[in-house]
Every structure is written in C-alpha cells, then in structure tokens.
Amino acid sequence: MVENTHGIVLNRIKYSDNSIIVPIFTQKFGRQSYLIYGNSTKKNGTKLNLFQPLYVLDLQAYQRENRDLQKLKEYAISFPVHNLYSDSSKNGIALFISEFLYRSIRENEPDTLMFEFLIRAVKFLEHTKTPVYNFHIGLLLKMTVFFGIEPEQNYSESAQLFDLQNARFTITPPNHPHYCSQDVGIKLNEFMHTPLEETHHIKLSKNQRSILINSLLDFYNIHIERPGKLKSLEILQSVFA
C-alpha cells in the first residue's frame, strides 16, 4: 500500500554501489529505513542528494508491516534548508542533532508531538539570525519529555547540584559520581525555563558549554542507554572553540 507522509532524514548509509539505506523519522510511522536505488545519471544523483541529515521530505512510501527495509515511490523536499549546510555553526549543530536522533530514536511507532517539535526546531535553525551556540543544549534538554525522562524542576537557592542519576536537583552531593556542580546546575536550570528559540540569551563559558552537553548525553545514556558516544560532538566543539 502506498502511504503519504513527511519525514526527517536521520542518516544515509551506503548499501551497494548504486543504492543507499536511509533511516527516516516519519510523521505516520515513526522511525523507518528505506532502500533507495540510484545510478550515475545526473538526475538521480541530484535526487539522492536530498537524503542529507535533517532534510525534511514529502514521501510516498510502499509501506509494509514487519519489514526492516521499506521502499519509496516518490520523494521531494518539503522546504529548503540551505543555511544548515552553508553556515559552519548550523552545519555542526545539524550533524550533531541528526546523529543524536539516529542513535536515540528506536521506536517504529509514530510520535506526532516529537515530530512536530523537531520540524519547528529545524525550521528555526534554518532561518534564525541569532547565534546558535546553545541551540543543541536546549534541544537535548527539551527532548527529554518525549523520551519520558524529563528532569524534576525542583531547583532552589539551596538545591543547585543536579543529580543525573535521579534526575533532580539536590542540596548535597549524591553518593555516586553522576552529578553536575553548582555553577553547571544553575545554568541547567536556566535552560529548563528558557524557550528553545531564546537559548542564545544564556551566557556560557566554553567550559560550561562543554560540560553541559556532555552531562546531557550522560543523562540520556543513564536513563535510556543511548545515544552512546557521538562522533559529531568533537566536530561541534571545534566549531565553537
């Protein structure tokens, strides 16, 4: 059966000399992998270029249950995202976010709220003229709600340490090493109360930014055992060095 849906490209993996596998987070079916055939012609080469991380596509898919690889009948870009790849800062963030999503989203079930959130995030990242050096931190924190691991917002003047393992602020250090110091906890609380589109207003040192993103990745790895170690993090940190 041919189904129409929208999808966010998470990755592209070479399958053979003339085909790729493209994991896509779709609006109707959750995460799906599609086998895409191409050849050396100019037309097909151009169409295969649509399968770039965080590109949003309109899809017509031959959707079949209980299949690891699905096939596409037609595909076209939903809206252009030129700035994600022409701007080095946005490109670094796009690659980081796409790898995070690729390694974190596992369910082949639709999550409309997560999908709509990500569409808004991609559009904002594409069009914003404001600095984006805090965007990835805000996005990972906001996405905890969709994974069911949202931290408790119990910050206070006395409870400023953030316990990654128990997902809450605490007054004294916990009896394990997985927690954020007071200065990082203060910034984390700021992110909790700042809309994603306004995270550029939060002032961070290079060291605080590095600790925050690593702490959030640790948080995910503790609670859902993914995404693991991201290769794109080193690239992203060099962009904002």
C-alpha atoms as a PDB file:
ATOM      1  CA  MET A   1       0.000   0.000   0.000  1.00  0.00           C
ATOM      2  CA  VAL A   2       1.297   3.470  -0.907  1.00  0.00           C
ATOM      3  CA  GLU A   3       1.193   5.887   2.012  1.00  0.00           C
ATOM      4  CA  ASN A   4       1.848   9.636   2.050  1.00  0.00           C
ATOM      5  CA  THR A   5       3.821  11.039   4.963  1.00  0.00           C
ATOM      6  CA  HIS A   6       6.548  13.507   5.892  1.00  0.00           C
ATOM      7  CA  GLY A   7       9.935  12.539   7.220  1.00  0.00           C
ATOM      8  CA  ILE A   8      13.147  13.883   8.737  1.00  0.00           C
ATOM      9  CA  VAL A   9      16.317  12.295   7.378  1.00  0.00           C
ATOM     10  CA  LEU A  10      18.486  10.919  10.183  1.00  0.00           C
ATOM     11  CA  ASN A  11      21.371   9.394   8.231  1.00  0.00           C
ATOM     12  CA  ARG A  12      22.371   7.804   4.939  1.00  0.00           C
ATOM     13  CA  ILE A  13      24.282   4.540   4.712  1.00  0.00           C
ATOM     14  CA  LYS A  14      25.903   3.117   1.588  1.00  0.00           C
ATOM     15  CA  TYR A  15      24.348  -0.258   0.777  1.00  0.00           C
ATOM     16  CA  SER A  16      25.887  -1.007  -2.615  1.00  0.00           C
ATOM     17  CA  ASP A  17      27.497   0.854  -5.491  1.00  0.00           C
ATOM     18  CA  ASN A  18      24.127   2.162  -6.639  1.00  0.00           C
ATOM     19  CA  SER A  19      21.961   2.183  -3.501  1.00  0.00           C
ATOM     20  CA  ILE A  20      21.750   3.630  -0.007  1.00  0.00           C
ATOM     21  CA  ILE A  21      19.765   2.903   3.148  1.00  0.00           C
ATOM     22  CA  VAL A  22      18.167   5.996   4.655  1.00  0.00           C
ATOM     23  CA  PRO A  23      16.806   5.933   8.232  1.00  0.00           C
ATOM     24  CA  ILE A  24      13.996   8.491   8.385  1.00  0.00           C
ATOM     25  CA  PHE A  25      11.852   9.633  11.300  1.00  0.00           C
ATOM     26  CA  THR A  26       8.399   9.779   9.718  1.00  0.00           C
ATOM     27  CA  GLN A  27       5.272  11.514  10.893  1.00  0.00           C
ATOM     28  CA  LYS A  28       2.975   8.486  10.372  1.00  0.00           C
ATOM     29  CA  PHE A  29       5.190   5.503  11.118  1.00  0.00           C
ATOM     30  CA  GLY A  30       7.953   6.651  13.448  1.00  0.00           C
ATOM     31  CA  ARG A  31      11.454   5.569  12.512  1.00  0.00           C
ATOM     32  CA  GLN A  32      11.689   3.678   9.232  1.00  0.00           C
ATOM     33  CA  SER A  33      14.574   2.619   6.986  1.00  0.00           C
ATOM     34  CA  TYR A  34      14.207   3.000   3.233  1.00  0.00           C
ATOM     35  CA  LEU A  35      16.244   1.344   0.498  1.00  0.00           C
ATOM     36  CA  ILE A  36      16.934   3.902  -2.234  1.00  0.00           C
ATOM     37  CA  TYR A  37      18.293   2.920  -5.624  1.00  0.00           C
ATOM     38  CA  GLY A  38      20.204   5.337  -7.804  1.00  0.00           C
ATOM     39  CA  ASN A  39      22.660   5.366 -10.650  1.00  0.00           C
ATOM     40  CA  SER A  40      25.270   7.621 -12.140  1.00  0.00           C
ATOM     41  CA  THR A  41      22.870   9.821 -14.083  1.00  0.00           C
ATOM     42  CA  LYS A  42      22.788  13.494 -13.247  1.00  0.00           C
ATOM     43  CA  LYS A  43      19.059  13.410 -12.433  1.00  0.00           C
ATOM     44  CA  ASN A  44      19.229  10.525  -9.963  1.00  0.00           C
ATOM     45  CA  GLY A  45      22.435  11.838  -8.424  1.00  0.00           C
ATOM     46  CA  THR A  46      20.679  15.113  -7.677  1.00  0.00           C
ATOM     47  CA  LYS A  47      17.668  13.355  -6.143  1.00  0.00           C
ATOM     48  CA  LEU A  48      19.874  11.236  -3.907  1.00  0.00           C
ATOM     49  CA  ASN A  49      21.364  14.477  -2.582  1.00  0.00           C
ATOM     50  CA  LEU A  50      18.003  15.128  -0.927  1.00  0.00           C
ATOM     51  CA  PHE A  51      18.861  12.461   1.640  1.00  0.00           C
ATOM     52  CA  GLN A  52      21.009  14.666   3.872  1.00  0.00           C
ATOM     53  CA  PRO A  53      20.790  14.742   7.683  1.00  0.00           C
ATOM     54  CA  LEU A  54      17.850  16.842   8.912  1.00  0.00           C
ATOM     55  CA  TYR A  55      16.373  17.368   5.451  1.00  0.00           C
ATOM     56  CA  VAL A  56      12.571  17.262   5.686  1.00  0.00           C
ATOM     57  CA  LEU A  57      10.924  15.349   2.839  1.00  0.00           C
ATOM     58  CA  ASP A  58       7.469  14.658   1.458  1.00  0.00           C
ATOM     59  CA  LEU A  59       7.293  10.892   0.949  1.00  0.00           C
ATOM     60  CA  GLN A  60       5.182   8.393  -0.925  1.00  0.00           C
ATOM     61  CA  ALA A  61       6.160   5.037   0.555  1.00  0.00           C
ATOM     62  CA  TYR A  62       5.342   1.408  -0.199  1.00  0.00           C
ATOM     63  CA  GLN A  63       4.685   0.774   3.474  1.00  0.00           C
ATOM     64  CA  ARG A  64       4.541  -2.862   4.600  1.00  0.00           C
ATOM     65  CA  GLU A  65       4.322  -4.160   8.148  1.00  0.00           C
ATOM     66  CA  ASN A  66       7.127  -6.181   9.718  1.00  0.00           C
ATOM     67  CA  ARG A  67       9.722  -5.223   7.121  1.00  0.00           C
ATOM     68  CA  ASP A  68      13.145  -3.911   8.075  1.00  0.00           C
ATOM     69  CA  LEU A  69      13.556  -2.081   4.773  1.00  0.00           C
ATOM     70  CA  GLN A  70      10.784  -0.123   3.119  1.00  0.00           C
ATOM     71  CA  LYS A  71      10.774   1.397  -0.384  1.00  0.00           C
ATOM     72  CA  LEU A  72       9.824   4.832  -1.641  1.00  0.00           C
ATOM     73  CA  LYS A  73       7.729   5.563  -4.695  1.00  0.00           C
ATOM     74  CA  GLU A  74       8.300   9.323  -4.733  1.00  0.00           C
ATOM     75  CA  TYR A  75      10.107  11.844  -2.577  1.00  0.00           C
ATOM     76  CA  ALA A  76      10.618  15.596  -2.654  1.00  0.00           C
ATOM     77  CA  ILE A  77      11.950  18.206  -0.276  1.00  0.00           C
ATOM     78  CA  SER A  78       9.308  19.828   1.954  1.00  0.00           C
ATOM     79  CA  PHE A  79      11.195  23.072   2.443  1.00  0.00           C
ATOM     80  CA  PRO A  80      14.766  24.138   1.607  1.00  0.00           C
ATOM     81  CA  VAL A  81      17.433  24.105   4.309  1.00  0.00           C
ATOM     82  CA  HIS A  82      20.340  25.811   2.572  1.00  0.00           C
ATOM     83  CA  ASN A  83      21.684  27.548   5.682  1.00  0.00           C
ATOM     84  CA  LEU A  84      22.078  24.291   7.594  1.00  0.00           C
ATOM     85  CA  TYR A  85      24.885  23.373   5.223  1.00  0.00           C
ATOM     86  CA  SER A  86      26.307  26.747   4.176  1.00  0.00           C
ATOM     87  CA  ASP A  87      26.748  28.086   7.729  1.00  0.00           C
ATOM     88  CA  SER A  88      29.510  26.221   9.603  1.00  0.00           C
ATOM     89  CA  SER A  89      27.905  26.692  13.036  1.00  0.00           C
ATOM     90  CA  LYS A  90      24.483  25.497  11.870  1.00  0.00           C
ATOM     91  CA  ASN A  91      26.081  22.643   9.944  1.00  0.00           C
ATOM     92  CA  GLY A  92      27.935  21.429  13.042  1.00  0.00           C
ATOM     93  CA  ILE A  93      24.719  21.521  15.064  1.00  0.00           C
ATOM     94  CA  ALA A  94      22.711  19.816  12.290  1.00  0.00           C
ATOM     95  CA  LEU A  95      25.184  16.924  12.108  1.00  0.00           C
ATOM     96  CA  PHE A  96      25.204  16.598  15.899  1.00  0.00           C
ATOM     97  CA  ILE A  97      21.401  16.639  16.196  1.00  0.00           C
ATOM     98  CA  SER A  98      20.927  14.160  13.356  1.00  0.00           C
ATOM     99  CA  GLU A  99      23.435  11.729  14.882  1.00  0.00           C
ATOM    100  CA  PHE A 100      21.790  12.102  18.282  1.00  0.00           C
ATOM    101  CA  LEU A 101      18.354  11.362  16.783  1.00  0.00           C
ATOM    102  CA  TYR A 102      19.689   8.485  14.688  1.00  0.00           C
ATOM    103  CA  ARG A 103      21.187   6.813  17.749  1.00  0.00           C
ATOM    104  CA  SER A 104      18.345   7.667  20.147  1.00  0.00           C
ATOM    105  CA  ILE A 105      15.051   7.158  18.288  1.00  0.00           C
ATOM    106  CA  ARG A 106      14.341   3.443  18.108  1.00  0.00           C
ATOM    107  CA  GLU A 107      10.575   3.048  18.054  1.00  0.00           C
ATOM    108  CA  ASN A 108       8.785   2.229  14.799  1.00  0.00           C
ATOM    109  CA  GLU A 109       5.727   3.959  16.208  1.00  0.00           C
ATOM    110  CA  PRO A 110       4.534   7.486  15.415  1.00  0.00           C
ATOM    111  CA  ASP A 111       5.199  10.268  17.890  1.00  0.00           C
ATOM    112  CA  THR A 112       3.367  13.252  16.461  1.00  0.00           C
ATOM    113  CA  LEU A 113       4.400  15.654  19.213  1.00  0.00           C
ATOM    114  CA  MET A 114       8.099  14.793  18.847  1.00  0.00           C
ATOM    115  CA  PHE A 115       7.858  15.074  15.070  1.00  0.00           C
ATOM    116  CA  GLU A 116       6.180  18.491  15.211  1.00  0.00           C
ATOM    117  CA  PHE A 117       8.726  19.711  17.762  1.00  0.00           C
ATOM    118  CA  LEU A 118      11.616  18.650  15.517  1.00  0.00           C
ATOM    119  CA  ILE A 119      10.063  20.257  12.435  1.00  0.00           C
ATOM    120  CA  ARG A 120       9.783  23.566  14.307  1.00  0.00           C
ATOM    121  CA  ALA A 121      13.365  23.181  15.541  1.00  0.00           C
ATOM    122  CA  VAL A 122      14.742  22.525  12.045  1.00  0.00           C
ATOM    123  CA  LYS A 123      12.846  25.497  10.598  1.00  0.00           C
ATOM    124  CA  PHE A 124      14.065  27.768  13.363  1.00  0.00           C
ATOM    125  CA  LEU A 125      17.675  26.622  12.974  1.00  0.00           C
ATOM    126  CA  GLU A 126      17.465  27.201   9.222  1.00  0.00           C
ATOM    127  CA  HIS A 127      16.005  30.716   9.419  1.00  0.00           C
ATOM    128  CA  THR A 128      17.322  32.257  12.636  1.00  0.00           C
ATOM    129  CA  LYS A 129      19.767  35.142  12.514  1.00  0.00           C
ATOM    130  CA  THR A 130      20.609  34.813  16.207  1.00  0.00           C
ATOM    131  CA  PRO A 131      23.671  32.904  17.489  1.00  0.00           C
ATOM    132  CA  VAL A 132      23.090  29.135  17.687  1.00  0.00           C
ATOM    133  CA  TYR A 133      25.906  28.049  20.005  1.00  0.00           C
ATOM    134  CA  ASN A 134      23.444  26.984  22.756  1.00  0.00           C
ATOM    135  CA  PHE A 135      20.786  25.505  20.470  1.00  0.00           C
ATOM    136  CA  HIS A 136      21.886  21.868  20.761  1.00  0.00           C
ATOM    137  CA  ILE A 137      21.908  22.061  24.562  1.00  0.00           C
ATOM    138  CA  GLY A 138      18.390  23.446  24.644  1.00  0.00           C
ATOM    139  CA  LEU A 139      17.140  20.878  22.151  1.00  0.00           C
ATOM    140  CA  LEU A 140      18.506  17.866  24.047  1.00  0.00           C
ATOM    141  CA  LEU A 141      17.013  19.155  27.273  1.00  0.00           C
ATOM    142  CA  LYS A 142      13.595  19.878  25.723  1.00  0.00           C
ATOM    143  CA  MET A 143      13.524  16.432  24.120  1.00  0.00           C
ATOM    144  CA  THR A 144      13.750  14.612  27.460  1.00  0.00           C
ATOM    145  CA  VAL A 145       9.964  14.954  27.729  1.00  0.00           C
ATOM    146  CA  PHE A 146       9.434  12.904  24.556  1.00  0.00           C
ATOM    147  CA  PHE A 147      11.663  10.119  25.856  1.00  0.00           C
ATOM    148  CA  GLY A 148       9.841  10.094  29.200  1.00  0.00           C
ATOM    149  CA  ILE A 149      12.909  11.186  31.200  1.00  0.00           C
ATOM    150  CA  GLU A 150      12.151  14.848  31.878  1.00  0.00           C
ATOM    151  CA  PRO A 151      14.139  16.098  34.915  1.00  0.00           C
ATOM    152  CA  GLU A 152      12.314  17.238  38.009  1.00  0.00           C
ATOM    153  CA  GLN A 153      12.218  21.034  38.195  1.00  0.00           C
ATOM    154  CA  ASN A 154      12.935  21.325  41.898  1.00  0.00           C
ATOM    155  CA  TYR A 155      15.765  23.852  41.668  1.00  0.00           C
ATOM    156  CA  SER A 156      16.121  26.257  44.611  1.00  0.00           C
ATOM    157  CA  GLU A 157      18.765  28.508  46.140  1.00  0.00           C
ATOM    158  CA  SER A 158      19.831  25.604  48.330  1.00  0.00           C
ATOM    159  CA  ALA A 159      19.376  22.751  45.810  1.00  0.00           C
ATOM    160  CA  GLN A 160      21.666  23.676  42.913  1.00  0.00           C
ATOM    161  CA  LEU A 161      23.570  20.449  42.286  1.00  0.00           C
ATOM    162  CA  PHE A 162      21.946  18.342  39.576  1.00  0.00           C
ATOM    163  CA  ASP A 163      21.834  14.589  40.160  1.00  0.00           C
ATOM    164  CA  LEU A 164      21.937  12.977  36.703  1.00  0.00           C
ATOM    165  CA  GLN A 165      21.050   9.542  38.018  1.00  0.00           C
ATOM    166  CA  ASN A 166      17.958  10.630  39.966  1.00  0.00           C
ATOM    167  CA  ALA A 167      17.022  13.453  37.537  1.00  0.00           C
ATOM    168  CA  ARG A 168      16.622  16.128  40.174  1.00  0.00           C
ATOM    169  CA  PHE A 169      18.426  18.957  41.936  1.00  0.00           C
ATOM    170  CA  THR A 170      19.915  18.246  45.328  1.00  0.00           C
ATOM    171  CA  ILE A 171      21.452  20.147  48.222  1.00  0.00           C
ATOM    172  CA  THR A 172      24.368  17.832  48.887  1.00  0.00           C
ATOM    173  CA  PRO A 173      26.421  15.672  46.504  1.00  0.00           C
ATOM    174  CA  PRO A 174      24.843  12.225  45.916  1.00  0.00           C
ATOM    175  CA  ASN A 175      26.749   9.042  46.776  1.00  0.00           C
ATOM    176  CA  HIS A 176      27.690   8.459  43.127  1.00  0.00           C
ATOM    177  CA  PRO A 177      29.765  10.467  40.605  1.00  0.00           C
ATOM    178  CA  HIS A 178      26.958  11.295  38.163  1.00  0.00           C
ATOM    179  CA  TYR A 179      26.044  14.855  39.076  1.00  0.00           C
ATOM    180  CA  CYS A 180      26.665  18.438  37.942  1.00  0.00           C
ATOM    181  CA  SER A 181      28.385  21.063  40.037  1.00  0.00           C
ATOM    182  CA  GLN A 182      26.598  24.111  41.365  1.00  0.00           C
ATOM    183  CA  ASP A 183      27.623  26.501  38.561  1.00  0.00           C
ATOM    184  CA  VAL A 184      26.529  23.998  35.905  1.00  0.00           C
ATOM    185  CA  GLY A 185      23.298  23.260  37.784  1.00  0.00           C
ATOM    186  CA  ILE A 186      22.456  26.972  37.783  1.00  0.00           C
ATOM    187  CA  LYS A 187      22.859  27.123  34.005  1.00  0.00           C
ATOM    188  CA  LEU A 188      20.888  23.906  33.523  1.00  0.00           C
ATOM    189  CA  ASN A 189      18.000  25.464  35.429  1.00  0.00           C
ATOM    190  CA  GLU A 190      18.174  28.490  33.112  1.00  0.00           C
ATOM    191  CA  PHE A 191      17.814  26.211  30.101  1.00  0.00           C
ATOM    192  CA  MET A 192      14.829  24.489  31.716  1.00  0.00           C
ATOM    193  CA  HIS A 193      12.985  27.802  31.863  1.00  0.00           C
ATOM    194  CA  THR A 194      14.108  29.266  28.532  1.00  0.00           C
ATOM    195  CA  PRO A 195      12.289  28.611  25.233  1.00  0.00           C
ATOM    196  CA  LEU A 196      14.449  26.845  22.668  1.00  0.00           C
ATOM    197  CA  GLU A 197      14.340  29.887  20.388  1.00  0.00           C
ATOM    198  CA  GLU A 198      15.792  32.105  23.129  1.00  0.00           C
ATOM    199  CA  THR A 199      18.651  29.944  24.415  1.00  0.00           C
ATOM    200  CA  HIS A 200      21.203  32.281  22.802  1.00  0.00           C
ATOM    201  CA  HIS A 201      20.498  34.702  25.671  1.00  0.00           C
ATOM    202  CA  ILE A 202      22.067  32.277  28.184  1.00  0.00           C
ATOM    203  CA  LYS A 203      25.693  33.219  28.760  1.00  0.00           C
ATOM    204  CA  LEU A 204      28.091  30.271  28.994  1.00  0.00           C
ATOM    205  CA  SER A 205      31.822  29.892  29.039  1.00  0.00           C
ATOM    206  CA  LYS A 206      33.371  27.413  26.604  1.00  0.00           C
ATOM    207  CA  ASN A 207      33.990  25.052  29.519  1.00  0.00           C
ATOM    208  CA  GLN A 208      30.415  25.301  30.808  1.00  0.00           C
ATOM    209  CA  ARG A 209      29.031  24.619  27.338  1.00  0.00           C
ATOM    210  CA  SER A 210      31.203  21.523  27.002  1.00  0.00           C
ATOM    211  CA  ILE A 211      30.265  20.219  30.453  1.00  0.00           C
ATOM    212  CA  LEU A 212      26.548  20.820  29.865  1.00  0.00           C
ATOM    213  CA  ILE A 213      26.337  18.935  26.577  1.00  0.00           C
ATOM    214  CA  ASN A 214      28.430  16.060  27.911  1.00  0.00           C
ATOM    215  CA  SER A 215      26.280  15.935  31.048  1.00  0.00           C
ATOM    216  CA  LEU A 216      23.080  15.782  28.979  1.00  0.00           C
ATOM    217  CA  LEU A 217      24.488  12.959  26.868  1.00  0.00           C
ATOM    218  CA  ASP A 218      25.427  11.153  30.093  1.00  0.00           C
ATOM    219  CA  PHE A 219      21.875  11.750  31.313  1.00  0.00           C
ATOM    220  CA  TYR A 220      20.417  10.050  28.232  1.00  0.00           C
ATOM    221  CA  ASN A 221      22.882   7.182  28.439  1.00  0.00           C
ATOM    222  CA  ILE A 222      21.998   6.618  32.095  1.00  0.00           C
ATOM    223  CA  HIS A 223      18.230   6.647  31.565  1.00  0.00           C
ATOM    224  CA  ILE A 224      17.661   5.131  28.119  1.00  0.00           C
ATOM    225  CA  GLU A 225      21.119   3.636  27.414  1.00  0.00           C
ATOM    226  CA  ARG A 226      21.610   5.656  24.234  1.00  0.00           C
ATOM    227  CA  PRO A 227      22.876   7.504  22.200  1.00  0.00           C
ATOM    228  CA  GLY A 228      26.298   6.325  23.370  1.00  0.00           C
ATOM    229  CA  LYS A 229      29.358   8.246  22.186  1.00  0.00           C
ATOM    230  CA  LEU A 230      28.690  10.661  19.331  1.00  0.00           C
ATOM    231  CA  LYS A 231      31.384  11.165  16.695  1.00  0.00           C
ATOM    232  CA  SER A 232      29.958  14.558  15.738  1.00  0.00           C
ATOM    233  CA  LEU A 233      30.475  16.030  19.224  1.00  0.00           C
ATOM    234  CA  GLU A 234      34.184  16.595  18.662  1.00  0.00           C
ATOM    235  CA  ILE A 235      33.446  18.351  15.372  1.00  0.00           C
ATOM    236  CA  LEU A 236      30.800  20.525  17.012  1.00  0.00           C
ATOM    237  CA  GLN A 237      33.079  21.510  19.865  1.00  0.00           C
ATOM    238  CA  SER A 238      35.803  22.513  17.405  1.00  0.00           C
ATOM    239  CA  VAL A 239      33.302  24.744  15.594  1.00  0.00           C
ATOM    240  CA  PHE A 240      32.562  26.646  18.830  1.00  0.00           C
ATOM    241  CA  ALA A 241      36.144  26.604  20.115  1.00  0.00           C
END
